[in-house]
Amino acid sequence: MRYFLVLMAALCLASPSMAQEVLPFGVTLDGQEAVITDKSTIYASIEKPVTSGAAMAVDGREGQVIVNIFPTDESGKAAAGAQPLILLFDASEKKSISENMSGQAPKPGWYLANVVNGDGTSRVLFQVK
């Protein structure tokens, strides 16, 4: 029981810092900024649905950006075995999410993007209409 209480205390203390790590750098999709909301502590959200050709960009970063876009439900949970769409672009540019490595435009539905650059990963939930 004592170990459980120590673990719970550590998780409670870590929660604020973990929430900040959800969006270590800004991400925009179709001109909308990803924002941290009280809906989740594991991802930021794009407020309005976007098109399958929406352009993604990152703020204040340099170098290569690698994005894994997983199909999910509206709570951000990916189905077992879900294959991501992979997007690569330079941080100084924008790139359409339909210009991924598989060449497939995302179908209507919910997606969770892990946007990786340097030492940070921004996690963003969005809906394609």
Protein backbone atom coordinates (compact mmCIF):
# COMPACT_ATOMS: atom_id res chain seq x y z
CA MET A 1 0.00 0.00 0.00
CA ARG A 2 2.85 2.37 0.83
CA TYR A 3 4.34 1.91 -2.67
CA PHE A 4 0.96 2.65 -4.20
CA LEU A 5 0.70 5.93 -2.25
CA VAL A 6 4.21 6.95 -3.29
CA LEU A 7 3.38 6.17 -6.92
CA MET A 8 0.14 8.19 -6.75
CA ALA A 9 1.96 11.15 -5.16
CA ALA A 10 4.61 11.06 -7.88
CA LEU A 11 1.95 10.98 -10.61
CA CYS A 12 0.09 13.90 -9.05
CA LEU A 13 3.25 15.98 -8.87
CA ALA A 14 4.19 15.09 -12.43
CA SER A 15 0.77 15.90 -13.93
CA PRO A 16 1.29 19.65 -14.46
CA SER A 17 4.63 19.12 -16.18
CA MET A 18 3.23 16.28 -18.29
CA ALA A 19 0.37 18.53 -19.46
CA GLN A 20 2.88 21.13 -20.66
CA GLU A 21 4.78 18.47 -22.61
CA VAL A 22 1.70 17.69 -24.72
CA LEU A 23 2.45 20.76 -26.84
CA PRO A 24 6.15 21.66 -26.46
CA PHE A 25 5.91 23.62 -29.73
CA GLY A 26 3.00 25.10 -31.65
CA VAL A 27 1.23 23.16 -34.38
CA THR A 28 -1.28 24.57 -36.85
CA LEU A 29 -3.56 22.67 -39.17
CA ASP A 30 -5.51 24.47 -41.88
CA GLY A 31 -4.54 27.73 -40.15
CA GLN A 32 -6.00 26.66 -36.78
CA GLU A 33 -3.69 26.51 -33.79
CA ALA A 34 -3.69 23.39 -31.63
CA VAL A 35 -4.73 24.29 -28.09
CA ILE A 36 -4.56 22.49 -24.77
CA THR A 37 -8.04 22.09 -23.31
CA ASP A 38 -9.46 20.59 -20.15
CA LYS A 39 -10.76 17.65 -22.25
CA SER A 40 -7.42 15.88 -22.14
CA THR A 41 -4.01 15.90 -20.51
CA ILE A 42 -2.45 13.73 -23.23
CA TYR A 43 -3.12 15.81 -26.37
CA ALA A 44 -3.95 19.28 -27.66
CA SER A 45 -6.89 19.77 -30.04
CA ILE A 46 -7.78 21.51 -33.27
CA GLU A 47 -11.18 23.09 -32.61
CA LYS A 48 -12.93 22.82 -35.99
CA PRO A 49 -12.86 19.95 -38.53
CA VAL A 50 -10.35 20.30 -41.38
CA THR A 51 -10.27 19.08 -44.96
CA SER A 52 -8.24 16.05 -46.03
CA GLY A 53 -5.85 18.43 -47.79
CA ALA A 54 -5.26 20.65 -44.74
CA ALA A 55 -1.75 22.09 -44.44
CA MET A 56 0.22 21.38 -41.27
CA ALA A 57 2.91 23.71 -39.91
CA VAL A 58 4.98 24.04 -36.74
CA ASP A 59 5.94 27.23 -34.92
CA GLY A 60 9.44 28.34 -33.96
CA ARG A 61 11.26 25.15 -34.91
CA GLU A 62 14.04 24.21 -37.32
CA GLY A 63 14.92 21.03 -39.16
CA GLN A 64 13.00 17.92 -40.11
CA VAL A 65 9.46 17.32 -38.84
CA ILE A 66 8.14 13.74 -38.70
CA VAL A 67 4.42 13.24 -38.19
CA ASN A 68 2.62 9.97 -37.45
CA ILE A 69 -1.12 10.42 -38.02
CA PHE A 70 -3.18 7.64 -36.44
CA PRO A 71 -6.90 7.09 -37.05
CA THR A 72 -8.68 7.25 -33.68
CA ASP A 73 -12.06 7.72 -32.07
CA GLU A 74 -13.11 11.18 -30.86
CA SER A 75 -11.37 10.58 -27.51
CA GLY A 76 -8.01 9.98 -29.23
CA LYS A 77 -7.91 6.22 -28.76
CA ALA A 78 -6.39 4.40 -31.73
CA ALA A 79 -7.70 0.98 -32.73
CA ALA A 80 -5.35 -1.95 -32.17
CA GLY A 81 -3.10 -2.39 -35.19
CA ALA A 82 -4.01 0.99 -36.69
CA GLN A 83 -1.42 2.03 -39.28
CA PRO A 84 -0.35 5.68 -39.28
CA LEU A 85 -0.05 8.02 -42.22
CA ILE A 86 3.53 9.35 -42.16
CA LEU A 87 4.28 12.92 -43.11
CA LEU A 88 7.78 14.42 -43.49
CA PHE A 89 8.55 18.10 -44.01
CA ASP A 90 10.94 20.90 -43.13
CA ALA A 91 9.89 22.99 -40.13
CA SER A 92 10.15 26.19 -42.18
CA GLU A 93 7.42 24.97 -44.56
CA LYS A 94 3.81 23.81 -44.54
CA LYS A 95 2.76 20.40 -45.83
CA SER A 96 -0.65 18.98 -46.72
CA ILE A 97 -1.60 15.97 -44.62
CA SER A 98 -2.71 14.27 -47.85
CA GLU A 99 0.91 14.43 -49.09
CA ASN A 100 1.93 11.63 -46.74
CA MET A 101 4.27 8.76 -47.62
CA SER A 102 1.43 6.39 -48.53
CA GLY A 103 -0.09 8.98 -50.88
CA GLN A 104 -3.54 8.51 -49.34
CA ALA A 105 -5.71 11.40 -48.25
CA PRO A 106 -7.10 10.86 -44.75
CA LYS A 107 -10.71 9.68 -44.80
CA PRO A 108 -13.35 11.55 -42.77
CA GLY A 109 -12.95 10.79 -39.08
CA TRP A 110 -10.77 11.51 -36.05
CA TYR A 111 -6.97 11.44 -36.01
CA LEU A 112 -4.17 11.82 -33.47
CA ALA A 113 -0.95 13.32 -34.81
CA ASN A 114 2.39 12.81 -33.07
CA VAL A 115 4.40 15.74 -34.44
CA VAL A 116 8.11 15.15 -33.75
CA ASN A 117 10.88 17.72 -34.10
CA GLY A 118 14.22 17.77 -32.31
CA ASP A 119 13.73 16.87 -28.67
CA GLY A 120 9.96 17.41 -28.54
CA THR A 121 6.71 15.74 -29.59
CA SER A 122 3.45 17.65 -29.85
CA ARG A 123 0.34 15.46 -29.74
CA VAL A 124 -2.68 16.86 -31.58
CA LEU A 125 -6.22 15.47 -31.99
CA PHE A 126 -8.19 16.65 -35.01
CA GLN A 127 -11.17 15.73 -37.17
CA VAL A 128 -11.23 15.46 -40.96
CA LYS A 129 -14.60 16.30 -42.47
